Amino acid sequence: MNIEDIREYCLAKPAVTEELPFGPNTLVFKVGGKVFLLVGLDQIESLCFNVKCDPDVAVDLRLNYPETVIPGYHMNKKHWNTVYCNRQLSDERLKIFVDDSYALVYNALPKALKRNLT
C-alpha cells in the first residue's frame, strides 16, 4: 500500500474531506469535520498512518502486531494507533483499520450532522 492508495481509499468514502491543517506535510482526512486518518506526506522509508480505534481493540492489535501497530504518534494513545504499511499485514487488513476508524468517527457524529452529510 502506498500513500496514493490510502488517499484514494479515504476519498472514496461518503462525505470525506482532505485537509492540511497542521502544515504541508500532514494530510488529514475528516468526516463531518472530525479526523479519522492522518498520514505524513514526507515519509520516505516507512509509510504509516494514524487511525482511531476502539481502546480495547487497540491494545489487542498492538500486542498481536508489534512491528506494525503502535500507540498513535502525537495522538491520544488510548484511542489512536499508528499503523505501518507493508509489514506484517495485507493491504486488505490495513483497509479494515481505515474502515473502522471512519465508522467510529461517523457513528459519533450528531444525527443532524449525519443527515446533512448524505
Protein backbone atom coordinates (compact mmCIF):
# COMPACT_ATOMS: atom_id res chain seq x y z
CA MET A 1 0.00 0.00 0.00
CA ASN A 2 1.31 3.45 -0.86
CA ILE A 3 0.21 6.94 0.06
CA GLU A 4 -1.89 7.38 -3.07
CA ASP A 5 -3.73 4.12 -2.31
CA ILE A 6 -4.54 5.44 1.16
CA ARG A 7 -5.70 8.78 -0.24
CA GLU A 8 -7.94 7.20 -2.88
CA TYR A 9 -9.42 4.76 -0.38
CA CYS A 10 -10.26 7.51 2.10
CA LEU A 11 -11.73 9.85 -0.50
CA ALA A 12 -13.99 7.08 -1.83
CA LYS A 13 -15.88 7.07 1.48
CA PRO A 14 -19.02 9.21 1.81
CA ALA A 15 -18.62 12.86 2.86
CA VAL A 16 -14.84 12.69 3.35
CA THR A 17 -12.70 15.81 3.06
CA GLU A 18 -8.93 16.12 2.93
CA GLU A 19 -7.06 18.99 4.51
CA LEU A 20 -3.60 20.15 5.55
CA PRO A 21 -4.43 21.84 8.89
CA PHE A 22 -1.07 21.02 10.51
CA GLY A 23 1.11 22.26 7.68
CA PRO A 24 2.12 20.98 4.26
CA ASN A 25 3.47 17.62 5.45
CA THR A 26 0.45 16.07 7.19
CA LEU A 27 -2.58 15.07 5.15
CA VAL A 28 -5.73 14.79 7.27
CA PHE A 29 -8.95 13.03 6.30
CA LYS A 30 -12.18 14.04 8.02
CA VAL A 31 -15.84 13.16 8.04
CA GLY A 32 -18.23 15.73 9.46
CA GLY A 33 -15.26 17.90 10.37
CA LYS A 34 -13.76 15.17 12.59
CA VAL A 35 -10.44 13.48 11.89
CA PHE A 36 -10.37 9.76 11.16
CA LEU A 37 -6.96 9.38 9.49
CA LEU A 38 -3.67 11.29 9.32
CA VAL A 39 -0.72 10.48 7.10
CA GLY A 40 2.63 12.20 6.71
CA LEU A 41 3.46 13.30 3.20
CA ASP A 42 7.18 13.41 3.92
CA GLN A 43 7.62 9.73 4.72
CA ILE A 44 10.33 8.06 2.69
CA GLU A 45 11.48 4.90 4.47
CA SER A 46 8.37 3.53 6.22
CA LEU A 47 4.88 4.66 5.32
CA CYS A 48 2.47 4.77 8.25
CA PHE A 49 -0.81 6.42 9.14
CA ASN A 50 -2.78 7.20 12.30
CA VAL A 51 -6.31 5.88 12.75
CA LYS A 52 -8.87 5.99 15.51
CA CYS A 53 -9.53 2.68 17.22
CA ASP A 54 -11.69 1.23 19.95
CA PRO A 55 -9.46 1.29 23.07
CA ASP A 56 -9.79 -2.43 23.80
CA VAL A 57 -9.17 -3.41 20.20
CA ALA A 58 -6.21 -1.00 20.02
CA VAL A 59 -4.41 -2.82 22.82
CA ASP A 60 -5.00 -6.23 21.22
CA LEU A 61 -3.72 -5.04 17.85
CA ARG A 62 -0.56 -3.64 19.43
CA LEU A 63 0.07 -6.95 21.21
CA ASN A 64 -0.62 -9.10 18.15
CA TYR A 65 1.24 -6.95 15.60
CA PRO A 66 4.04 -5.18 17.50
CA GLU A 67 6.02 -4.40 14.34
CA THR A 68 3.02 -2.88 12.57
CA VAL A 69 0.69 -1.30 15.14
CA ILE A 70 1.92 1.06 17.85
CA PRO A 71 0.26 3.71 20.05
CA GLY A 72 -0.74 6.74 17.98
CA TYR A 73 2.18 9.07 17.35
CA HIS A 74 1.31 12.58 18.66
CA MET A 75 -2.23 11.38 19.42
CA ASN A 76 -4.28 10.18 22.39
CA LYS A 77 -2.71 6.75 22.74
CA LYS A 78 -5.86 5.24 24.22
CA HIS A 79 -7.91 5.94 21.08
CA TRP A 80 -5.38 6.16 18.24
CA ASN A 81 -2.95 3.74 16.62
CA THR A 82 -0.11 4.34 14.22
CA VAL A 83 -0.16 1.60 11.60
CA TYR A 84 2.83 0.83 9.35
CA CYS A 85 2.18 -0.27 5.79
CA ASN A 86 3.98 -3.10 4.04
CA ARG A 87 5.00 -5.02 7.15
CA GLN A 88 3.01 -7.81 8.84
CA LEU A 89 -0.46 -7.10 7.45
CA SER A 90 -2.01 -7.20 4.00
CA ASP A 91 -3.40 -4.13 2.28
CA GLU A 92 -6.90 -5.52 2.82
CA ARG A 93 -6.32 -5.69 6.58
CA LEU A 94 -4.97 -2.14 6.56
CA LYS A 95 -8.13 -1.01 4.79
CA ILE A 96 -10.17 -2.55 7.60
CA PHE A 97 -8.34 -0.23 10.03
CA VAL A 98 -9.36 2.71 7.86
CA ASP A 99 -12.95 1.45 7.68
CA ASP A 100 -13.13 1.01 11.44
CA SER A 101 -11.71 4.47 12.10
CA TYR A 102 -14.17 6.07 9.66
CA ALA A 103 -17.09 4.20 11.25
CA LEU A 104 -16.08 5.19 14.80
CA VAL A 105 -15.92 8.86 13.87
CA TYR A 106 -19.03 8.84 11.67
CA ASN A 107 -21.14 6.99 14.24
CA ALA A 108 -20.17 9.50 16.94
CA LEU A 109 -21.41 12.46 14.87
CA PRO A 110 -24.69 14.12 15.88
CA LYS A 111 -27.72 12.82 13.96
CA ALA A 112 -28.46 16.22 12.45
CA LEU A 113 -24.94 16.46 11.05
CA LYS A 114 -25.16 12.93 9.61
CA ARG A 115 -28.39 13.86 7.80
CA ASN A 116 -26.65 16.87 6.24
CA LEU A 117 -23.72 14.74 5.06
CA THR A 118 -25.79 12.35 2.96
